[in-house]
Structure formats: C-alpha cells, structure tokens
Amino acid sequence: MSQDVAVIVATRGRPEIVARLAARLAAQSRRPDEVVVVATEPADVGALPAGATVLYGEPGLSSQRNRGLARLGGRFAHVVFFDDDFVPSRFWLERMMATFAGRPALLSLTGEVLADGAMTQGLPWDEAERLVDDRDAAPPAAPTLREGVTPYGCNMAFRASGIAGETFDERLVLYAWQEDADFGARIARRGAVAWTNDLWGVHMGAKSGRTPGVRLGYSQIVNPLYLTAKGSLTAGYSARLMTRNLVANAVKSLRPEPFVDRRGRLKGNLIGLRDALRGRIDPERAREL
C-alpha cells in the first residue's frame, strides 16, 4: 500500500451537487486515486466525471459509508469522507497527506469549516465555492493543529491503518445523527485525532435529501443516549446536546424558520423522551416514524 488516497461520498437526492463535488475532486492539486460515490439509485448521481465508482444500496449514512469502505478493502493508505454538499479546498487532499506524513501517530484529521449552511438556510454552490477559493488564494500563514478534536462528518480523513476493522454503526439509521462522534471516539482510543486550519472548506447545508423533522428529532434524543450507553459519548456531553436541541426546537417552533421543520423535530424529541423514560433506547425506531 503506497501513499495513496480514496474519497468516499454518500449521497441521496442531490445529483447536481454531487456531480459538482466530483468535478472539484478531479481538480484537486493532488487528485484522489479513487472516488467512490455511494447512492441509493441512479437518479441520485447525475453526470459524474469519468473514473468515479458508483455503488447503490439502501439509504442511510452509516450503511452507505460502510459500503464505500467495503469497496476500498484496505487498498489505500488514506480514506477521506466528504458530505456531498461539502466544497473542499483545491489543496485539501495534498495538505491532508502532508499533515499525516509529518505525524506518524495521527489517525484522524478534520478541517476548518469556513461556513456551515447546516446551521442556516444553506449556501448555494457558487457562494460556497467563492469562499473556498478566496481562502485558497490566501491560506493561513501559520497552520494550527489541535489534538483531541473528533472529526466532523462533512470533512474527515483517516489513516487507513488506524481504522482497520472499524465500521460506522448501522443502528444509527437514516441521517445517522452523531455517527461521526461515535466513529471518531473509537478511533481516538487507537491514536491521535485532530483538527487543523491547514484544511478548509464550506459545508453548504443543502436541504434536499434530508431526514424528515420527526425522525431527526427522535434521533436527537435517542442517539446520544444510545452512544452514552455504548461509551462513545460522555453523559454530560449527551445531556447538553439533548437539552440544546430540545430547547431550540421548543422555542423556535413558535416561529419556525422556513428551512427547518422545528415542530416535526420537537414532536420527535418528545417521542424520544417518552421512549427513553420507558426504557426503550432504540435508534433504529426512527425508521418507523
């Protein structure tokens, strides 16, 4: 296995966006040796550049990422996961490989998100690309690396030897809320995980293809409880995470944003709390709602 790199992109319902991401990957200063797009049906993928591998299967972020990992089969030294609506720096892969090369104990990297449309109404591709290209033209003079920061799922890279035998938890269904925290916590037991501003990009936060509000709201309560019992999240962190989402959904459901189903999320939160009080901590139940 040489110093090569593969990129896995899970997608559903965003053919134009994932096609633009694939084209941007083909224009990287260090091109990926393989790009695996994991979709649910041909309508998901649009016109991809020649050479991209496309896999199809059941929807669900964890299961789709696992299909990508199975395809790679340990053939690559580095594995990168991008959300389909993440716009990476043109130098992302080159700088990622250089950072790993200089730190043999490092197993995971995540980069700086210049703007995160997941927290707002979302960003169009052209605006996201402009923000990234501006930073590409003026990168940080003194790169910073902070160890102990688990990866953010929209942009995360791993040394393949550090994740051998690990998979994403497929009990975290659909949007797989907190699957990145769970996976990152397991990798952190093996070695160093870190954030660096030497990698950057923009998360568009596209609203198409997202999990309905009730299902996501349920996962916002049940997934942290499940991961606490599993040992991936601390009880304190899970409590803060659940409280923050419950309060935000309750308050904002009075005047919900047009781009967020706050009332659906609040309903899902309450169903999750009810199940938890009854002793039912089952993240897979989100599929039933």
C-alpha atoms as a PDB file:
ATOM      1  CA  MET A   1       0.000   0.000   0.000  1.00  0.00           C
ATOM      2  CA  SER A   2       1.519   3.305  -1.119  1.00  0.00           C
ATOM      3  CA  GLN A   3       0.801   6.862  -0.060  1.00  0.00           C
ATOM      4  CA  ASP A   4      -2.474   6.898  -1.945  1.00  0.00           C
ATOM      5  CA  VAL A   5      -5.903   8.253  -1.093  1.00  0.00           C
ATOM      6  CA  ALA A   6      -9.527   7.353  -1.721  1.00  0.00           C
ATOM      7  CA  VAL A   7     -12.567   9.583  -1.206  1.00  0.00           C
ATOM      8  CA  ILE A   8     -15.996   8.255  -0.206  1.00  0.00           C
ATOM      9  CA  VAL A   9     -19.107  10.377  -0.755  1.00  0.00           C
ATOM     10  CA  ALA A  10     -22.538   9.182   0.395  1.00  0.00           C
ATOM     11  CA  THR A  11     -25.394  10.863  -1.443  1.00  0.00           C
ATOM     12  CA  ARG A  12     -29.132  10.823  -1.947  1.00  0.00           C
ATOM     13  CA  GLY A  13     -31.369  13.159  -3.908  1.00  0.00           C
ATOM     14  CA  ARG A  14     -28.695  15.700  -4.872  1.00  0.00           C
ATOM     15  CA  PRO A  15     -27.474  14.765  -8.361  1.00  0.00           C
ATOM     16  CA  GLU A  16     -26.317  18.225  -9.439  1.00  0.00           C
ATOM     17  CA  ILE A  17     -24.458  18.912  -6.206  1.00  0.00           C
ATOM     18  CA  VAL A  18     -22.645  15.586  -6.055  1.00  0.00           C
ATOM     19  CA  ALA A  19     -21.636  15.954  -9.709  1.00  0.00           C
ATOM     20  CA  ARG A  20     -20.076  19.344  -8.949  1.00  0.00           C
ATOM     21  CA  LEU A  21     -18.240  17.908  -5.950  1.00  0.00           C
ATOM     22  CA  ALA A  22     -16.882  15.067  -8.081  1.00  0.00           C
ATOM     23  CA  ALA A  23     -15.647  17.581 -10.640  1.00  0.00           C
ATOM     24  CA  ARG A  24     -13.950  19.564  -7.878  1.00  0.00           C
ATOM     25  CA  LEU A  25     -12.250  16.419  -6.617  1.00  0.00           C
ATOM     26  CA  ALA A  26     -10.933  15.786 -10.117  1.00  0.00           C
ATOM     27  CA  ALA A  27      -9.355  19.278  -9.986  1.00  0.00           C
ATOM     28  CA  GLN A  28      -7.522  18.756  -6.676  1.00  0.00           C
ATOM     29  CA  SER A  29      -3.830  19.683  -6.622  1.00  0.00           C
ATOM     30  CA  ARG A  30      -3.300  16.066  -5.576  1.00  0.00           C
ATOM     31  CA  ARG A  31      -6.025  14.072  -7.296  1.00  0.00           C
ATOM     32  CA  PRO A  32      -7.617  11.155  -5.436  1.00  0.00           C
ATOM     33  CA  ASP A  33      -6.664   7.679  -6.603  1.00  0.00           C
ATOM     34  CA  GLU A  34     -10.273   6.582  -6.308  1.00  0.00           C
ATOM     35  CA  VAL A  35     -13.603   8.332  -5.745  1.00  0.00           C
ATOM     36  CA  VAL A  36     -16.469   6.162  -4.527  1.00  0.00           C
ATOM     37  CA  VAL A  37     -19.955   7.690  -4.681  1.00  0.00           C
ATOM     38  CA  VAL A  38     -22.452   5.640  -2.674  1.00  0.00           C
ATOM     39  CA  ALA A  39     -26.026   6.349  -3.768  1.00  0.00           C
ATOM     40  CA  THR A  40     -29.444   4.740  -3.459  1.00  0.00           C
ATOM     41  CA  GLU A  41     -30.469   4.836  -7.151  1.00  0.00           C
ATOM     42  CA  PRO A  42     -29.147   6.156 -10.490  1.00  0.00           C
ATOM     43  CA  ALA A  43     -31.198   9.355 -10.166  1.00  0.00           C
ATOM     44  CA  ASP A  44     -29.002  10.338  -7.199  1.00  0.00           C
ATOM     45  CA  VAL A  45     -25.762  10.810  -9.081  1.00  0.00           C
ATOM     46  CA  GLY A  46     -26.164  12.978 -12.165  1.00  0.00           C
ATOM     47  CA  ALA A  47     -23.273  13.326 -14.621  1.00  0.00           C
ATOM     48  CA  LEU A  48     -20.144  12.232 -12.780  1.00  0.00           C
ATOM     49  CA  PRO A  49     -16.638  12.590 -14.223  1.00  0.00           C
ATOM     50  CA  ALA A  50     -15.157   9.504 -15.835  1.00  0.00           C
ATOM     51  CA  GLY A  51     -13.449   7.199 -13.375  1.00  0.00           C
ATOM     52  CA  ALA A  52     -15.754   7.648 -10.392  1.00  0.00           C
ATOM     53  CA  THR A  53     -17.063   4.403  -8.923  1.00  0.00           C
ATOM     54  CA  VAL A  54     -20.788   4.385  -8.120  1.00  0.00           C
ATOM     55  CA  LEU A  55     -22.406   1.947  -5.687  1.00  0.00           C
ATOM     56  CA  TYR A  56     -26.115   1.552  -4.947  1.00  0.00           C
ATOM     57  CA  GLY A  57     -27.944   0.258  -1.904  1.00  0.00           C
ATOM     58  CA  GLU A  58     -30.312   1.066   0.922  1.00  0.00           C
ATOM     59  CA  PRO A  59     -30.332   4.662   2.199  1.00  0.00           C
ATOM     60  CA  GLY A  60     -28.667   5.569   5.480  1.00  0.00           C
ATOM     61  CA  LEU A  61     -25.460   7.499   6.029  1.00  0.00           C
ATOM     62  CA  SER A  62     -23.751   4.830   8.150  1.00  0.00           C
ATOM     63  CA  SER A  63     -24.621   1.962   5.828  1.00  0.00           C
ATOM     64  CA  GLN A  64     -23.676   3.955   2.733  1.00  0.00           C
ATOM     65  CA  ARG A  65     -20.284   4.863   4.182  1.00  0.00           C
ATOM     66  CA  ASN A  66     -19.717   1.237   5.143  1.00  0.00           C
ATOM     67  CA  ARG A  67     -20.410   0.140   1.573  1.00  0.00           C
ATOM     68  CA  GLY A  68     -17.747   2.581   0.471  1.00  0.00           C
ATOM     69  CA  LEU A  69     -15.262   1.183   2.978  1.00  0.00           C
ATOM     70  CA  ALA A  70     -16.031  -2.366   1.857  1.00  0.00           C
ATOM     71  CA  ARG A  71     -15.354  -1.352  -1.731  1.00  0.00           C
ATOM     72  CA  LEU A  72     -11.922   0.011  -0.818  1.00  0.00           C
ATOM     73  CA  GLY A  73     -10.974  -3.174   1.010  1.00  0.00           C
ATOM     74  CA  GLY A  74      -7.903  -1.711   2.703  1.00  0.00           C
ATOM     75  CA  ARG A  75      -6.195  -0.891  -0.605  1.00  0.00           C
ATOM     76  CA  PHE A  76      -5.454   2.749   0.219  1.00  0.00           C
ATOM     77  CA  ALA A  77      -3.265   4.475   2.782  1.00  0.00           C
ATOM     78  CA  HIS A  78      -5.720   7.311   3.426  1.00  0.00           C
ATOM     79  CA  VAL A  79      -9.508   7.392   3.405  1.00  0.00           C
ATOM     80  CA  VAL A  80     -11.440  10.663   3.197  1.00  0.00           C
ATOM     81  CA  PHE A  81     -15.160  11.180   3.737  1.00  0.00           C
ATOM     82  CA  PHE A  82     -16.843  14.282   2.334  1.00  0.00           C
ATOM     83  CA  ASP A  83     -20.523  15.099   2.570  1.00  0.00           C
ATOM     84  CA  ASP A  84     -21.968  15.524  -0.897  1.00  0.00           C
ATOM     85  CA  ASP A  85     -22.624  19.212  -0.113  1.00  0.00           C
ATOM     86  CA  PHE A  86     -19.117  19.979   1.159  1.00  0.00           C
ATOM     87  CA  VAL A  87     -16.900  22.172  -1.044  1.00  0.00           C
ATOM     88  CA  PRO A  88     -13.247  21.379  -0.225  1.00  0.00           C
ATOM     89  CA  SER A  89     -10.191  23.488  -0.816  1.00  0.00           C
ATOM     90  CA  ARG A  90      -8.398  22.643  -4.041  1.00  0.00           C
ATOM     91  CA  PHE A  91      -5.412  21.720  -1.834  1.00  0.00           C
ATOM     92  CA  TRP A  92      -7.372  19.632   0.707  1.00  0.00           C
ATOM     93  CA  LEU A  93      -6.008  16.206  -0.230  1.00  0.00           C
ATOM     94  CA  GLU A  94      -2.438  17.412  -0.785  1.00  0.00           C
ATOM     95  CA  ARG A  95      -2.288  19.151   2.597  1.00  0.00           C
ATOM     96  CA  MET A  96      -4.026  16.283   4.360  1.00  0.00           C
ATOM     97  CA  MET A  97      -1.435  13.791   3.154  1.00  0.00           C
ATOM     98  CA  ALA A  98       1.421  16.123   4.126  1.00  0.00           C
ATOM     99  CA  THR A  99      -0.005  16.509   7.642  1.00  0.00           C
ATOM    100  CA  PHE A 100      -0.307  12.757   8.128  1.00  0.00           C
ATOM    101  CA  ALA A 101       3.201  12.207   6.740  1.00  0.00           C
ATOM    102  CA  GLY A 102       4.679  14.531   9.352  1.00  0.00           C
ATOM    103  CA  ARG A 103       2.847  12.957  12.304  1.00  0.00           C
ATOM    104  CA  PRO A 104       3.011   9.144  12.361  1.00  0.00           C
ATOM    105  CA  ALA A 105       0.814   8.851  15.481  1.00  0.00           C
ATOM    106  CA  LEU A 106      -2.019  10.833  13.920  1.00  0.00           C
ATOM    107  CA  LEU A 107      -5.000   8.724  12.807  1.00  0.00           C
ATOM    108  CA  SER A 108      -7.733  11.269  12.073  1.00  0.00           C
ATOM    109  CA  LEU A 109      -7.971  14.790  10.688  1.00  0.00           C
ATOM    110  CA  THR A 110     -10.844  17.191  10.254  1.00  0.00           C
ATOM    111  CA  GLY A 111     -10.558  20.670   8.813  1.00  0.00           C
ATOM    112  CA  GLU A 112     -11.822  24.190   9.305  1.00  0.00           C
ATOM    113  CA  VAL A 113     -15.374  24.797   8.107  1.00  0.00           C
ATOM    114  CA  LEU A 114     -15.345  28.352   6.795  1.00  0.00           C
ATOM    115  CA  ALA A 115     -19.143  28.498   6.740  1.00  0.00           C
ATOM    116  CA  ASP A 116     -21.713  25.891   7.737  1.00  0.00           C
ATOM    117  CA  GLY A 117     -25.027  26.128   5.952  1.00  0.00           C
ATOM    118  CA  ALA A 118     -26.375  23.296   8.088  1.00  0.00           C
ATOM    119  CA  MET A 119     -26.855  25.940  10.792  1.00  0.00           C
ATOM    120  CA  THR A 120     -28.678  28.378   8.487  1.00  0.00           C
ATOM    121  CA  GLN A 121     -30.863  28.357   5.405  1.00  0.00           C
ATOM    122  CA  GLY A 122     -27.972  26.838   3.488  1.00  0.00           C
ATOM    123  CA  LEU A 123     -25.488  28.208   0.972  1.00  0.00           C
ATOM    124  CA  PRO A 124     -25.618  27.926  -2.830  1.00  0.00           C
ATOM    125  CA  TRP A 125     -22.718  26.175  -4.529  1.00  0.00           C
ATOM    126  CA  ASP A 126     -21.354  29.314  -6.203  1.00  0.00           C
ATOM    127  CA  GLU A 127     -21.161  31.227  -2.918  1.00  0.00           C
ATOM    128  CA  ALA A 128     -19.561  28.295  -1.110  1.00  0.00           C
ATOM    129  CA  GLU A 129     -17.010  27.879  -3.890  1.00  0.00           C
ATOM    130  CA  ARG A 130     -16.175  31.604  -3.811  1.00  0.00           C
ATOM    131  CA  LEU A 131     -15.491  31.459  -0.062  1.00  0.00           C
ATOM    132  CA  VAL A 132     -13.228  28.453  -0.522  1.00  0.00           C
ATOM    133  CA  ASP A 133     -11.368  29.882  -3.489  1.00  0.00           C
ATOM    134  CA  ASP A 134     -10.743  33.114  -1.584  1.00  0.00           C
ATOM    135  CA  ARG A 135      -9.100  31.143   1.225  1.00  0.00           C
ATOM    136  CA  ASP A 136      -7.152  29.083  -1.297  1.00  0.00           C
ATOM    137  CA  ALA A 137      -5.675  32.327  -2.583  1.00  0.00           C
ATOM    138  CA  ALA A 138      -4.671  33.442   0.936  1.00  0.00           C
ATOM    139  CA  PRO A 139      -4.049  30.370   3.132  1.00  0.00           C
ATOM    140  CA  PRO A 140      -3.143  30.739   6.825  1.00  0.00           C
ATOM    141  CA  ALA A 141       0.479  31.716   7.303  1.00  0.00           C
ATOM    142  CA  ALA A 142       0.841  29.626  10.465  1.00  0.00           C
ATOM    143  CA  PRO A 143      -1.176  26.398  10.330  1.00  0.00           C
ATOM    144  CA  THR A 144      -2.636  25.253  13.648  1.00  0.00           C
ATOM    145  CA  LEU A 145      -3.271  21.677  14.727  1.00  0.00           C
ATOM    146  CA  ARG A 146      -5.378  20.844  17.791  1.00  0.00           C
ATOM    147  CA  GLU A 147      -5.251  17.289  19.035  1.00  0.00           C
ATOM    148  CA  GLY A 148      -8.196  15.661  20.772  1.00  0.00           C
ATOM    149  CA  VAL A 149     -10.816  17.018  18.358  1.00  0.00           C
ATOM    150  CA  THR A 150     -13.012  14.284  16.914  1.00  0.00           C
ATOM    151  CA  PRO A 151     -13.895  14.505  13.223  1.00  0.00           C
ATOM    152  CA  TYR A 152     -16.833  16.459  11.806  1.00  0.00           C
ATOM    153  CA  GLY A 153     -18.585  14.181   9.352  1.00  0.00           C
ATOM    154  CA  CYS A 154     -18.777  16.627   6.441  1.00  0.00           C
ATOM    155  CA  ASN A 155     -14.972  16.519   6.078  1.00  0.00           C
ATOM    156  CA  MET A 156     -12.852  13.887   7.752  1.00  0.00           C
ATOM    157  CA  ALA A 157      -9.759  11.930   6.816  1.00  0.00           C
ATOM    158  CA  PHE A 158      -8.235   8.815   8.334  1.00  0.00           C
ATOM    159  CA  ARG A 159      -5.020   6.891   8.142  1.00  0.00           C
ATOM    160  CA  ALA A 160      -6.361   3.589   6.819  1.00  0.00           C
ATOM    161  CA  SER A 161      -4.253   1.502   9.200  1.00  0.00           C
ATOM    162  CA  GLY A 162      -5.899   3.370  12.087  1.00  0.00           C
ATOM    163  CA  ILE A 163      -9.444   2.431  11.109  1.00  0.00           C
ATOM    164  CA  ALA A 164      -8.823  -1.170  10.042  1.00  0.00           C
ATOM    165  CA  GLY A 165     -11.729  -3.331  11.183  1.00  0.00           C
ATOM    166  CA  GLU A 166     -13.909  -0.367  12.171  1.00  0.00           C
ATOM    167  CA  THR A 167     -17.239   0.479  10.575  1.00  0.00           C
ATOM    168  CA  PHE A 168     -19.932   3.089  11.117  1.00  0.00           C
ATOM    169  CA  ASP A 169     -22.693   1.966  13.449  1.00  0.00           C
ATOM    170  CA  GLU A 170     -25.626   0.990  11.243  1.00  0.00           C
ATOM    171  CA  ARG A 171     -28.033   1.130  14.166  1.00  0.00           C
ATOM    172  CA  LEU A 172     -27.725   4.894  13.657  1.00  0.00           C
ATOM    173  CA  VAL A 173     -30.140   4.933  10.741  1.00  0.00           C
ATOM    174  CA  LEU A 174     -31.118   7.499   8.100  1.00  0.00           C
ATOM    175  CA  TYR A 175     -29.230  10.774   8.761  1.00  0.00           C
ATOM    176  CA  ALA A 176     -27.257   8.825  11.415  1.00  0.00           C
ATOM    177  CA  TRP A 177     -27.152  11.678  13.930  1.00  0.00           C
ATOM    178  CA  GLN A 178     -23.762  11.687  15.757  1.00  0.00           C
ATOM    179  CA  GLU A 179     -22.288   8.818  13.738  1.00  0.00           C
ATOM    180  CA  ASP A 180     -19.120  10.878  13.261  1.00  0.00           C
ATOM    181  CA  ALA A 181     -18.724  11.382  17.028  1.00  0.00           C
ATOM    182  CA  ASP A 182     -19.159   7.653  17.601  1.00  0.00           C
ATOM    183  CA  PHE A 183     -16.669   6.648  14.915  1.00  0.00           C
ATOM    184  CA  GLY A 184     -14.200   9.310  15.995  1.00  0.00           C
ATOM    185  CA  ALA A 185     -14.397   8.245  19.647  1.00  0.00           C
ATOM    186  CA  ARG A 186     -13.472   4.698  18.698  1.00  0.00           C
ATOM    187  CA  ILE A 187     -10.546   5.883  16.589  1.00  0.00           C
ATOM    188  CA  ALA A 188      -9.355   8.159  19.430  1.00  0.00           C
ATOM    189  CA  ARG A 189      -8.820   5.046  21.563  1.00  0.00           C
ATOM    190  CA  ARG A 190      -6.269   3.876  18.995  1.00  0.00           C
ATOM    191  CA  GLY A 191      -4.297   7.066  18.482  1.00  0.00           C
ATOM    192  CA  ALA A 192      -4.342  10.825  17.980  1.00  0.00           C
ATOM    193  CA  VAL A 193      -7.265  12.661  16.361  1.00  0.00           C
ATOM    194  CA  ALA A 194      -7.035  16.324  15.429  1.00  0.00           C
ATOM    195  CA  TRP A 195      -8.473  19.451  13.807  1.00  0.00           C
ATOM    196  CA  THR A 196      -6.382  21.721  11.632  1.00  0.00           C
ATOM    197  CA  ASN A 197      -6.906  25.025   9.840  1.00  0.00           C
ATOM    198  CA  ASP A 198      -4.484  23.769   7.185  1.00  0.00           C
ATOM    199  CA  LEU A 199      -7.509  22.052   5.630  1.00  0.00           C
ATOM    200  CA  TRP A 200     -10.649  24.024   4.885  1.00  0.00           C
ATOM    201  CA  GLY A 201     -13.904  24.070   3.024  1.00  0.00           C
ATOM    202  CA  VAL A 202     -17.547  25.097   3.195  1.00  0.00           C
ATOM    203  CA  HIS A 203     -20.487  22.916   4.195  1.00  0.00           C
ATOM    204  CA  MET A 204     -23.379  24.086   2.047  1.00  0.00           C
ATOM    205  CA  GLY A 205     -26.037  22.520   4.275  1.00  0.00           C
ATOM    206  CA  ALA A 206     -28.256  21.600   1.317  1.00  0.00           C
ATOM    207  CA  LYS A 207     -31.824  20.959   2.464  1.00  0.00           C
ATOM    208  CA  SER A 208     -32.811  18.466  -0.234  1.00  0.00           C
ATOM    209  CA  GLY A 209     -32.447  14.807   0.688  1.00  0.00           C
ATOM    210  CA  ARG A 210     -32.540  15.438   4.439  1.00  0.00           C
ATOM    211  CA  THR A 211     -34.268  13.314   7.063  1.00  0.00           C
ATOM    212  CA  PRO A 212     -37.835  14.477   7.912  1.00  0.00           C
ATOM    213  CA  GLY A 213     -38.140  16.540  11.083  1.00  0.00           C
ATOM    214  CA  VAL A 214     -39.860  13.925  13.276  1.00  0.00           C
ATOM    215  CA  ARG A 215     -37.238  11.299  12.523  1.00  0.00           C
ATOM    216  CA  LEU A 216     -34.326  13.663  13.069  1.00  0.00           C
ATOM    217  CA  GLY A 217     -35.895  14.968  16.290  1.00  0.00           C
ATOM    218  CA  TYR A 218     -36.204  11.414  17.573  1.00  0.00           C
ATOM    219  CA  SER A 219     -32.546  10.745  16.767  1.00  0.00           C
ATOM    220  CA  GLN A 220     -31.536  13.967  18.572  1.00  0.00           C
ATOM    221  CA  ILE A 221     -32.701  12.356  21.820  1.00  0.00           C
ATOM    222  CA  VAL A 222     -32.235   8.623  21.386  1.00  0.00           C
ATOM    223  CA  ASN A 223     -28.896   8.547  19.560  1.00  0.00           C
ATOM    224  CA  PRO A 224     -26.980  10.424  22.308  1.00  0.00           C
ATOM    225  CA  LEU A 225     -28.486   8.131  24.954  1.00  0.00           C
ATOM    226  CA  TYR A 226     -27.538   5.074  22.916  1.00  0.00           C
ATOM    227  CA  LEU A 227     -23.986   6.329  22.357  1.00  0.00           C
ATOM    228  CA  THR A 228     -23.591   7.180  26.039  1.00  0.00           C
ATOM    229  CA  ALA A 229     -24.518   3.620  26.952  1.00  0.00           C
ATOM    230  CA  LYS A 230     -22.088   2.428  24.293  1.00  0.00           C
ATOM    231  CA  GLY A 231     -19.296   4.567  25.771  1.00  0.00           C
ATOM    232  CA  SER A 232     -18.770   6.823  22.749  1.00  0.00           C
ATOM    233  CA  LEU A 233     -20.206   9.968  24.366  1.00  0.00           C
ATOM    234  CA  THR A 234     -19.999  11.162  27.962  1.00  0.00           C
ATOM    235  CA  ALA A 235     -23.216  11.557  29.925  1.00  0.00           C
ATOM    236  CA  GLY A 236     -22.534  15.277  30.364  1.00  0.00           C
ATOM    237  CA  TYR A 237     -21.987  15.887  26.667  1.00  0.00           C
ATOM    238  CA  SER A 238     -25.114  13.933  25.747  1.00  0.00           C
ATOM    239  CA  ALA A 239     -27.200  15.842  28.283  1.00  0.00           C
ATOM    240  CA  ARG A 240     -26.022  19.184  26.895  1.00  0.00           C
ATOM    241  CA  LEU A 241     -26.616  18.041  23.320  1.00  0.00           C
ATOM    242  CA  MET A 242     -30.156  16.816  24.012  1.00  0.00           C
ATOM    243  CA  THR A 243     -31.049  19.871  26.091  1.00  0.00           C
ATOM    244  CA  ARG A 244     -29.759  22.299  23.482  1.00  0.00           C
ATOM    245  CA  ASN A 245     -31.768  20.681  20.711  1.00  0.00           C
ATOM    246  CA  LEU A 246     -34.926  20.270  22.783  1.00  0.00           C
ATOM    247  CA  VAL A 247     -34.883  23.909  23.902  1.00  0.00           C
ATOM    248  CA  ALA A 248     -34.087  25.209  20.407  1.00  0.00           C
ATOM    249  CA  ASN A 249     -36.870  23.168  18.837  1.00  0.00           C
ATOM    250  CA  ALA A 250     -39.388  24.163  21.500  1.00  0.00           C
ATOM    251  CA  VAL A 251     -38.620  27.889  21.343  1.00  0.00           C
ATOM    252  CA  LYS A 252     -38.249  28.143  17.586  1.00  0.00           C
ATOM    253  CA  SER A 253     -41.348  26.053  16.887  1.00  0.00           C
ATOM    254  CA  LEU A 254     -43.335  29.160  17.899  1.00  0.00           C
ATOM    255  CA  ARG A 255     -41.912  30.984  14.868  1.00  0.00           C
ATOM    256  CA  PRO A 256     -40.118  28.308  12.865  1.00  0.00           C
ATOM    257  CA  GLU A 257     -37.569  29.093  10.205  1.00  0.00           C
ATOM    258  CA  PRO A 258     -38.846  28.257   6.709  1.00  0.00           C
ATOM    259  CA  PHE A 259     -35.921  25.881   6.162  1.00  0.00           C
ATOM    260  CA  VAL A 260     -36.276  23.801   9.378  1.00  0.00           C
ATOM    261  CA  ASP A 261     -39.179  21.568  10.420  1.00  0.00           C
ATOM    262  CA  ARG A 262     -38.991  22.691  14.062  1.00  0.00           C
ATOM    263  CA  ARG A 263     -42.390  21.331  15.002  1.00  0.00           C
ATOM    264  CA  GLY A 264     -41.575  17.968  13.488  1.00  0.00           C
ATOM    265  CA  ARG A 265     -38.260  17.900  15.347  1.00  0.00           C
ATOM    266  CA  LEU A 266     -39.963  18.837  18.617  1.00  0.00           C
ATOM    267  CA  LYS A 267     -42.501  16.060  18.139  1.00  0.00           C
ATOM    268  CA  GLY A 268     -39.649  13.625  17.507  1.00  0.00           C
ATOM    269  CA  ASN A 269     -37.839  14.906  20.627  1.00  0.00           C
ATOM    270  CA  LEU A 270     -40.905  14.229  22.757  1.00  0.00           C
ATOM    271  CA  ILE A 271     -41.413  10.737  21.334  1.00  0.00           C
ATOM    272  CA  GLY A 272     -37.751  10.023  22.045  1.00  0.00           C
ATOM    273  CA  LEU A 273     -38.068  11.248  25.629  1.00  0.00           C
ATOM    274  CA  ARG A 274     -41.159   9.135  26.133  1.00  0.00           C
ATOM    275  CA  ASP A 275     -39.374   6.045  24.811  1.00  0.00           C
ATOM    276  CA  ALA A 276     -36.337   6.775  26.995  1.00  0.00           C
ATOM    277  CA  LEU A 277     -38.499   7.055  30.117  1.00  0.00           C
ATOM    278  CA  ARG A 278     -39.980   3.680  29.235  1.00  0.00           C
ATOM    279  CA  GLY A 279     -36.503   2.204  28.919  1.00  0.00           C
ATOM    280  CA  ARG A 280     -36.556   1.907  25.131  1.00  0.00           C
ATOM    281  CA  ILE A 281     -33.278   3.188  23.682  1.00  0.00           C
ATOM    282  CA  ASP A 282     -33.526   2.036  20.091  1.00  0.00           C
ATOM    283  CA  PRO A 283     -32.072   4.365  17.433  1.00  0.00           C
ATOM    284  CA  GLU A 284     -33.486   2.170  14.659  1.00  0.00           C
ATOM    285  CA  ARG A 285     -37.037   3.121  15.659  1.00  0.00           C
ATOM    286  CA  ALA A 286     -36.523   6.399  13.773  1.00  0.00           C
ATOM    287  CA  ARG A 287     -37.366   4.486  10.611  1.00  0.00           C
ATOM    288  CA  GLU A 288     -40.885   3.817  11.902  1.00  0.00           C
ATOM    289  CA  LEU A 289     -41.809   7.476  12.469  1.00  0.00           C
END
